[in-house]
Amino acid sequence: MTLVADKEPVYDVYTGKPLAEGAPVFAAALLGLEPPRYCTYCARRMIVQVSPHGWTARCSRHGEFDSSSGER
């Protein structure tokens, strides 16, 4: 996931909950098998497209992220 230069991640990309709550991370997410479902900056549900080569996720406010960015 590409980070927005002037913003710090605030929400968990798998649950949409604030990072401060310390929600547990699912095993599939730890293994990199689960694409993000929520925007880390605004917790909006993203539109996710999964392909054999990876995934893309689009937030209506913060743009598109993809698996090739090297961050999960």
PDB file of N, CA and C in Angstrom:
ATOM      1  N   MET A   1       0.838  -1.160   0.000  1.00  0.00           N
ATOM      2  CA  MET A   1       0.000   0.000   0.000  1.00  0.00           C
ATOM      3  C   MET A   1       0.888   1.229   0.000  1.00  0.00           C
ATOM      4  N   THR A   2       0.654   2.153  -0.871  1.00  0.00           N
ATOM      5  CA  THR A   2       1.418   3.375  -0.936  1.00  0.00           C
ATOM      6  C   THR A   2       0.920   4.342   0.120  1.00  0.00           C
ATOM      7  N   LEU A   3       1.846   4.931   0.836  1.00  0.00           N
ATOM      8  CA  LEU A   3       1.462   5.864   1.885  1.00  0.00           C
ATOM      9  C   LEU A   3       1.296   7.261   1.322  1.00  0.00           C
ATOM     10  N   VAL A   4       0.318   7.992   1.816  1.00  0.00           N
ATOM     11  CA  VAL A   4       0.119   9.385   1.451  1.00  0.00           C
ATOM     12  C   VAL A   4       1.169  10.174   2.218  1.00  0.00           C
ATOM     13  N   ALA A   5       1.926  11.028   1.533  1.00  0.00           N
ATOM     14  CA  ALA A   5       3.110  11.670   2.108  1.00  0.00           C
ATOM     15  C   ALA A   5       2.864  12.416   3.414  1.00  0.00           C
ATOM     16  N   ASP A   6       1.773  13.128   3.536  1.00  0.00           N
ATOM     17  CA  ASP A   6       1.565  13.966   4.722  1.00  0.00           C
ATOM     18  C   ASP A   6       0.658  13.331   5.768  1.00  0.00           C
ATOM     19  N   LYS A   7       0.363  12.042   5.641  1.00  0.00           N
ATOM     20  CA  LYS A   7      -0.551  11.392   6.588  1.00  0.00           C
ATOM     21  C   LYS A   7       0.071  10.145   7.190  1.00  0.00           C
ATOM     22  N   GLU A   8      -0.251   9.906   8.440  1.00  0.00           N
ATOM     23  CA  GLU A   8       0.144   8.681   9.131  1.00  0.00           C
ATOM     24  C   GLU A   8      -1.019   7.696   9.074  1.00  0.00           C
ATOM     25  N   PRO A   9      -0.755   6.401   8.933  1.00  0.00           N
ATOM     26  CA  PRO A   9      -1.842   5.417   8.989  1.00  0.00           C
ATOM     27  C   PRO A   9      -2.570   5.495  10.327  1.00  0.00           C
ATOM     28  N   VAL A  10      -3.905   5.477  10.276  1.00  0.00           N
ATOM     29  CA  VAL A  10      -4.719   5.631  11.481  1.00  0.00           C
ATOM     30  C   VAL A  10      -5.580   4.396  11.734  1.00  0.00           C
ATOM     31  N   TYR A  11      -6.036   3.743  10.663  1.00  0.00           N
ATOM     32  CA  TYR A  11      -6.977   2.629  10.783  1.00  0.00           C
ATOM     33  C   TYR A  11      -6.368   1.329  10.264  1.00  0.00           C
ATOM     34  N   ASP A  12      -6.815   0.211  10.815  1.00  0.00           N
ATOM     35  CA  ASP A  12      -6.396  -1.105  10.365  1.00  0.00           C
ATOM     36  C   ASP A  12      -7.017  -1.372   8.998  1.00  0.00           C
ATOM     37  N   VAL A  13      -6.212  -1.808   8.035  1.00  0.00           N
ATOM     38  CA  VAL A  13      -6.704  -2.014   6.668  1.00  0.00           C
ATOM     39  C   VAL A  13      -7.556  -3.267   6.508  1.00  0.00           C
ATOM     40  N   TYR A  14      -7.564  -4.146   7.507  1.00  0.00           N
ATOM     41  CA  TYR A  14      -8.347  -5.373   7.425  1.00  0.00           C
ATOM     42  C   TYR A  14      -9.666  -5.290   8.182  1.00  0.00           C
ATOM     43  N   THR A  15      -9.722  -4.456   9.229  1.00  0.00           N
ATOM     44  CA  THR A  15     -10.937  -4.365  10.045  1.00  0.00           C
ATOM     45  C   THR A  15     -11.590  -2.992  10.013  1.00  0.00           C
ATOM     46  N   GLY A  16     -10.836  -1.947   9.672  1.00  0.00           N
ATOM     47  CA  GLY A  16     -11.362  -0.594   9.683  1.00  0.00           C
ATOM     48  C   GLY A  16     -11.378   0.038  11.066  1.00  0.00           C
ATOM     49  N   LYS A  17     -10.869  -0.669  12.060  1.00  0.00           N
ATOM     50  CA  LYS A  17     -10.844  -0.143  13.429  1.00  0.00           C
ATOM     51  C   LYS A  17      -9.590   0.702  13.638  1.00  0.00           C
ATOM     52  N   PRO A  18      -9.640   1.661  14.566  1.00  0.00           N
ATOM     53  CA  PRO A  18      -8.444   2.474  14.852  1.00  0.00           C
ATOM     54  C   PRO A  18      -7.263   1.600  15.281  1.00  0.00           C
ATOM     55  N   LEU A  19      -6.066   1.943  14.812  1.00  0.00           N
ATOM     56  CA  LEU A  19      -4.872   1.177  15.161  1.00  0.00           C
ATOM     57  C   LEU A  19      -4.603   1.213  16.658  1.00  0.00           C
ATOM     58  N   ALA A  20      -5.024   2.267  17.324  1.00  0.00           N
ATOM     59  CA  ALA A  20      -4.795   2.409  18.763  1.00  0.00           C
ATOM     60  C   ALA A  20      -5.501   1.318  19.563  1.00  0.00           C
ATOM     61  N   GLU A  21      -6.550   0.726  19.011  1.00  0.00           N
ATOM     62  CA  GLU A  21      -7.282  -0.327  19.714  1.00  0.00           C
ATOM     63  C   GLU A  21      -6.513  -1.642  19.747  1.00  0.00           C
ATOM     64  N   GLY A  22      -5.504  -1.790  18.910  1.00  0.00           N
ATOM     65  CA  GLY A  22      -4.680  -2.995  18.916  1.00  0.00           C
ATOM     66  C   GLY A  22      -5.423  -4.257  18.530  1.00  0.00           C
ATOM     67  N   ALA A  23      -6.248  -4.190  17.508  1.00  0.00           N
ATOM     68  CA  ALA A  23      -7.005  -5.365  17.059  1.00  0.00           C
ATOM     69  C   ALA A  23      -6.048  -6.450  16.558  1.00  0.00           C
ATOM     70  N   PRO A  24      -6.360  -7.716  16.816  1.00  0.00           N
ATOM     71  CA  PRO A  24      -5.484  -8.797  16.338  1.00  0.00           C
ATOM     72  C   PRO A  24      -5.496  -8.873  14.808  1.00  0.00           C
ATOM     73  N   VAL A  25      -4.374  -9.287  14.244  1.00  0.00           N
ATOM     74  CA  VAL A  25      -4.255  -9.419  12.792  1.00  0.00           C
ATOM     75  C   VAL A  25      -4.505 -10.880  12.429  1.00  0.00           C
ATOM     76  N   PHE A  26      -5.340 -11.097  11.417  1.00  0.00           N
ATOM     77  CA  PHE A  26      -5.683 -12.442  10.980  1.00  0.00           C
ATOM     78  C   PHE A  26      -4.475 -13.141  10.359  1.00  0.00           C
ATOM     79  N   ALA A  27      -4.420 -14.458  10.468  1.00  0.00           N
ATOM     80  CA  ALA A  27      -3.298 -15.241   9.940  1.00  0.00           C
ATOM     81  C   ALA A  27      -3.123 -15.032   8.437  1.00  0.00           C
ATOM     82  N   ALA A  28      -4.212 -14.982   7.688  1.00  0.00           N
ATOM     83  CA  ALA A  28      -4.126 -14.781   6.235  1.00  0.00           C
ATOM     84  C   ALA A  28      -3.514 -13.420   5.909  1.00  0.00           C
ATOM     85  N   ALA A  29      -3.819 -12.418   6.711  1.00  0.00           N
ATOM     86  CA  ALA A  29      -3.248 -11.089   6.501  1.00  0.00           C
ATOM     87  C   ALA A  29      -1.752 -11.104   6.794  1.00  0.00           C
ATOM     88  N   LEU A  30      -1.350 -11.793   7.850  1.00  0.00           N
ATOM     89  CA  LEU A  30       0.073 -11.890   8.189  1.00  0.00           C
ATOM     90  C   LEU A  30       0.867 -12.586   7.094  1.00  0.00           C
ATOM     91  N   LEU A  31       0.243 -13.548   6.430  1.00  0.00           N
ATOM     92  CA  LEU A  31       0.909 -14.275   5.353  1.00  0.00           C
ATOM     93  C   LEU A  31       0.871 -13.522   4.024  1.00  0.00           C
ATOM     94  N   GLY A  32       0.152 -12.409   3.973  1.00  0.00           N
ATOM     95  CA  GLY A  32       0.045 -11.640   2.746  1.00  0.00           C
ATOM     96  C   GLY A  32      -0.980 -12.181   1.777  1.00  0.00           C
ATOM     97  N   LEU A  33      -1.882 -13.028   2.248  1.00  0.00           N
ATOM     98  CA  LEU A  33      -2.882 -13.640   1.377  1.00  0.00           C
ATOM     99  C   LEU A  33      -4.169 -12.828   1.292  1.00  0.00           C
ATOM    100  N   GLU A  34      -4.367 -11.913   2.207  1.00  0.00           N
ATOM    101  CA  GLU A  34      -5.605 -11.136   2.279  1.00  0.00           C
ATOM    102  C   GLU A  34      -5.333  -9.693   1.835  1.00  0.00           C
ATOM    103  N   PRO A  35      -6.054  -9.195   0.826  1.00  0.00           N
ATOM    104  CA  PRO A  35      -5.867  -7.798   0.437  1.00  0.00           C
ATOM    105  C   PRO A  35      -6.528  -6.874   1.460  1.00  0.00           C
ATOM    106  N   PRO A  36      -6.092  -5.628   1.538  1.00  0.00           N
ATOM    107  CA  PRO A  36      -6.722  -4.690   2.469  1.00  0.00           C
ATOM    108  C   PRO A  36      -8.158  -4.406   2.043  1.00  0.00           C
ATOM    109  N   ARG A  37      -9.024  -4.181   2.988  1.00  0.00           N
ATOM    110  CA  ARG A  37     -10.436  -3.915   2.700  1.00  0.00           C
ATOM    111  C   ARG A  37     -10.856  -2.494   3.061  1.00  0.00           C
ATOM    112  N   TYR A  38     -10.101  -1.859   3.967  1.00  0.00           N
ATOM    113  CA  TYR A  38     -10.439  -0.513   4.438  1.00  0.00           C
ATOM    114  C   TYR A  38      -9.245   0.411   4.230  1.00  0.00           C
ATOM    115  N   CYS A  39      -9.520   1.669   3.934  1.00  0.00           N
ATOM    116  CA  CYS A  39      -8.464   2.666   3.772  1.00  0.00           C
ATOM    117  C   CYS A  39      -7.826   2.939   5.131  1.00  0.00           C
ATOM    118  N   THR A  40      -6.514   2.951   5.172  1.00  0.00           N
ATOM    119  CA  THR A  40      -5.796   3.169   6.427  1.00  0.00           C
ATOM    120  C   THR A  40      -5.878   4.614   6.909  1.00  0.00           C
ATOM    121  N   TYR A  41      -6.315   5.539   6.054  1.00  0.00           N
ATOM    122  CA  TYR A  41      -6.390   6.952   6.414  1.00  0.00           C
ATOM    123  C   TYR A  41      -7.781   7.411   6.822  1.00  0.00           C
ATOM    124  N   CYS A  42      -8.828   6.788   6.264  1.00  0.00           N
ATOM    125  CA  CYS A  42     -10.188   7.264   6.559  1.00  0.00           C
ATOM    126  C   CYS A  42     -11.152   6.137   6.937  1.00  0.00           C
ATOM    127  N   ALA A  43     -10.719   4.901   6.912  1.00  0.00           N
ATOM    128  CA  ALA A  43     -11.515   3.714   7.261  1.00  0.00           C
ATOM    129  C   ALA A  43     -12.704   3.483   6.334  1.00  0.00           C
ATOM    130  N   ARG A  44     -12.694   4.105   5.160  1.00  0.00           N
ATOM    131  CA  ARG A  44     -13.751   3.830   4.178  1.00  0.00           C
ATOM    132  C   ARG A  44     -13.502   2.462   3.552  1.00  0.00           C
ATOM    133  N   ARG A  45     -14.575   1.785   3.245  1.00  0.00           N
ATOM    134  CA  ARG A  45     -14.487   0.491   2.563  1.00  0.00           C
ATOM    135  C   ARG A  45     -13.947   0.750   1.158  1.00  0.00           C
ATOM    136  N   MET A  46     -12.937  -0.014   0.742  1.00  0.00           N
ATOM    137  CA  MET A  46     -12.338   0.177  -0.573  1.00  0.00           C
ATOM    138  C   MET A  46     -12.900  -0.830  -1.570  1.00  0.00           C
ATOM    139  N   ILE A  47     -12.797  -0.476  -2.841  1.00  0.00           N
ATOM    140  CA  ILE A  47     -13.162  -1.378  -3.927  1.00  0.00           C
ATOM    141  C   ILE A  47     -11.911  -2.200  -4.227  1.00  0.00           C
ATOM    142  N   VAL A  48     -11.991  -3.510  -4.043  1.00  0.00           N
ATOM    143  CA  VAL A  48     -10.821  -4.385  -4.176  1.00  0.00           C
ATOM    144  C   VAL A  48     -11.002  -5.310  -5.373  1.00  0.00           C
ATOM    145  N   GLN A  49      -9.962  -5.389  -6.191  1.00  0.00           N
ATOM    146  CA  GLN A  49      -9.942  -6.287  -7.346  1.00  0.00           C
ATOM    147  C   GLN A  49      -8.772  -7.248  -7.164  1.00  0.00           C
ATOM    148  N   VAL A  50      -9.050  -8.541  -7.126  1.00  0.00           N
ATOM    149  CA  VAL A  50      -8.009  -9.556  -6.957  1.00  0.00           C
ATOM    150  C   VAL A  50      -7.788 -10.251  -8.294  1.00  0.00           C
ATOM    151  N   SER A  51      -6.519 -10.394  -8.673  1.00  0.00           N
ATOM    152  CA  SER A  51      -6.168 -11.088  -9.911  1.00  0.00           C
ATOM    153  C   SER A  51      -5.111 -12.145  -9.585  1.00  0.00           C
ATOM    154  N   PRO A  52      -4.776 -13.003 -10.535  1.00  0.00           N
ATOM    155  CA  PRO A  52      -3.734 -14.005 -10.272  1.00  0.00           C
ATOM    156  C   PRO A  52      -2.365 -13.387  -9.961  1.00  0.00           C
ATOM    157  N   HIS A  53      -2.173 -12.139 -10.341  1.00  0.00           N
ATOM    158  CA  HIS A  53      -0.877 -11.481 -10.165  1.00  0.00           C
ATOM    159  C   HIS A  53      -0.823 -10.554  -8.960  1.00  0.00           C
ATOM    160  N   GLY A  54      -1.915 -10.408  -8.234  1.00  0.00           N
ATOM    161  CA  GLY A  54      -1.935  -9.516  -7.071  1.00  0.00           C
ATOM    162  C   GLY A  54      -3.305  -8.906  -6.866  1.00  0.00           C
ATOM    163  N   TRP A  55      -3.337  -7.706  -6.302  1.00  0.00           N
ATOM    164  CA  TRP A  55      -4.600  -7.040  -6.026  1.00  0.00           C
ATOM    165  C   TRP A  55      -4.439  -5.531  -6.198  1.00  0.00           C
ATOM    166  N   THR A  56      -5.557  -4.855  -6.441  1.00  0.00           N
ATOM    167  CA  THR A  56      -5.612  -3.397  -6.397  1.00  0.00           C
ATOM    168  C   THR A  56      -6.786  -3.027  -5.504  1.00  0.00           C
ATOM    169  N   ALA A  57      -6.631  -1.949  -4.773  1.00  0.00           N
ATOM    170  CA  ALA A  57      -7.683  -1.464  -3.885  1.00  0.00           C
ATOM    171  C   ALA A  57      -7.809   0.038  -4.097  1.00  0.00           C
ATOM    172  N   ARG A  58      -9.059   0.526  -4.237  1.00  0.00           N
ATOM    173  CA  ARG A  58      -9.272   1.940  -4.521  1.00  0.00           C
ATOM    174  C   ARG A  58     -10.146   2.574  -3.455  1.00  0.00           C
ATOM    175  N   CYS A  59      -9.633   3.646  -2.856  1.00  0.00           N
ATOM    176  CA  CYS A  59     -10.390   4.456  -1.900  1.00  0.00           C
ATOM    177  C   CYS A  59     -10.950   5.649  -2.664  1.00  0.00           C
ATOM    178  N   SER A  60     -12.188   6.007  -2.402  1.00  0.00           N
ATOM    179  CA  SER A  60     -12.805   7.126  -3.113  1.00  0.00           C
ATOM    180  C   SER A  60     -12.139   8.460  -2.775  1.00  0.00           C
ATOM    181  N   ARG A  61     -11.440   8.534  -1.652  1.00  0.00           N
ATOM    182  CA  ARG A  61     -10.774   9.779  -1.249  1.00  0.00           C
ATOM    183  C   ARG A  61      -9.264   9.771  -1.448  1.00  0.00           C
ATOM    184  N   HIS A  62      -8.620   8.626  -1.293  1.00  0.00           N
ATOM    185  CA  HIS A  62      -7.162   8.583  -1.285  1.00  0.00           C
ATOM    186  C   HIS A  62      -6.541   7.851  -2.465  1.00  0.00           C
ATOM    187  N   GLY A  63      -7.343   7.419  -3.410  1.00  0.00           N
ATOM    188  CA  GLY A  63      -6.809   6.833  -4.626  1.00  0.00           C
ATOM    189  C   GLY A  63      -6.576   5.337  -4.564  1.00  0.00           C
ATOM    190  N   GLU A  64      -5.716   4.875  -5.470  1.00  0.00           N
ATOM    191  CA  GLU A  64      -5.513   3.438  -5.659  1.00  0.00           C
ATOM    192  C   GLU A  64      -4.210   2.959  -5.030  1.00  0.00           C
ATOM    193  N   PHE A  65      -4.277   1.774  -4.440  1.00  0.00           N
ATOM    194  CA  PHE A  65      -3.129   1.091  -3.856  1.00  0.00           C
ATOM    195  C   PHE A  65      -3.042  -0.274  -4.525  1.00  0.00           C
ATOM    196  N   ASP A  66      -1.840  -0.851  -4.589  1.00  0.00           N
ATOM    197  CA  ASP A  66      -1.737  -2.188  -5.174  1.00  0.00           C
ATOM    198  C   ASP A  66      -0.686  -3.033  -4.471  1.00  0.00           C
ATOM    199  N   SER A  67      -0.729  -4.321  -4.745  1.00  0.00           N
ATOM    200  CA  SER A  67       0.169  -5.270  -4.084  1.00  0.00           C
ATOM    201  C   SER A  67       1.612  -5.123  -4.548  1.00  0.00           C
ATOM    202  N   SER A  68       1.854  -4.487  -5.662  1.00  0.00           N
ATOM    203  CA  SER A  68       3.220  -4.345  -6.163  1.00  0.00           C
ATOM    204  C   SER A  68       4.012  -3.280  -5.420  1.00  0.00           C
ATOM    205  N   SER A  69       3.350  -2.508  -4.543  1.00  0.00           N
ATOM    206  CA  SER A  69       4.064  -1.460  -3.804  1.00  0.00           C
ATOM    207  C   SER A  69       4.965  -2.036  -2.727  1.00  0.00           C
ATOM    208  N   GLY A  70       4.781  -3.318  -2.378  1.00  0.00           N
ATOM    209  CA  GLY A  70       5.648  -3.967  -1.414  1.00  0.00           C
ATOM    210  C   GLY A  70       5.228  -3.809   0.029  1.00  0.00           C
ATOM    211  N   GLU A  71       4.171  -3.065   0.310  1.00  0.00           N
ATOM    212  CA  GLU A  71       3.691  -2.879   1.676  1.00  0.00           C
ATOM    213  C   GLU A  71       2.329  -3.507   1.809  1.00  0.00           C
ATOM    214  N   ARG A  72       2.052  -4.063   3.021  1.00  0.00           N
ATOM    215  CA  ARG A  72       0.746  -4.665   3.265  1.00  0.00           C
ATOM    216  C   ARG A  72       0.238  -4.232   4.590  1.00  0.00           C
TER     217      ARG A  72
END
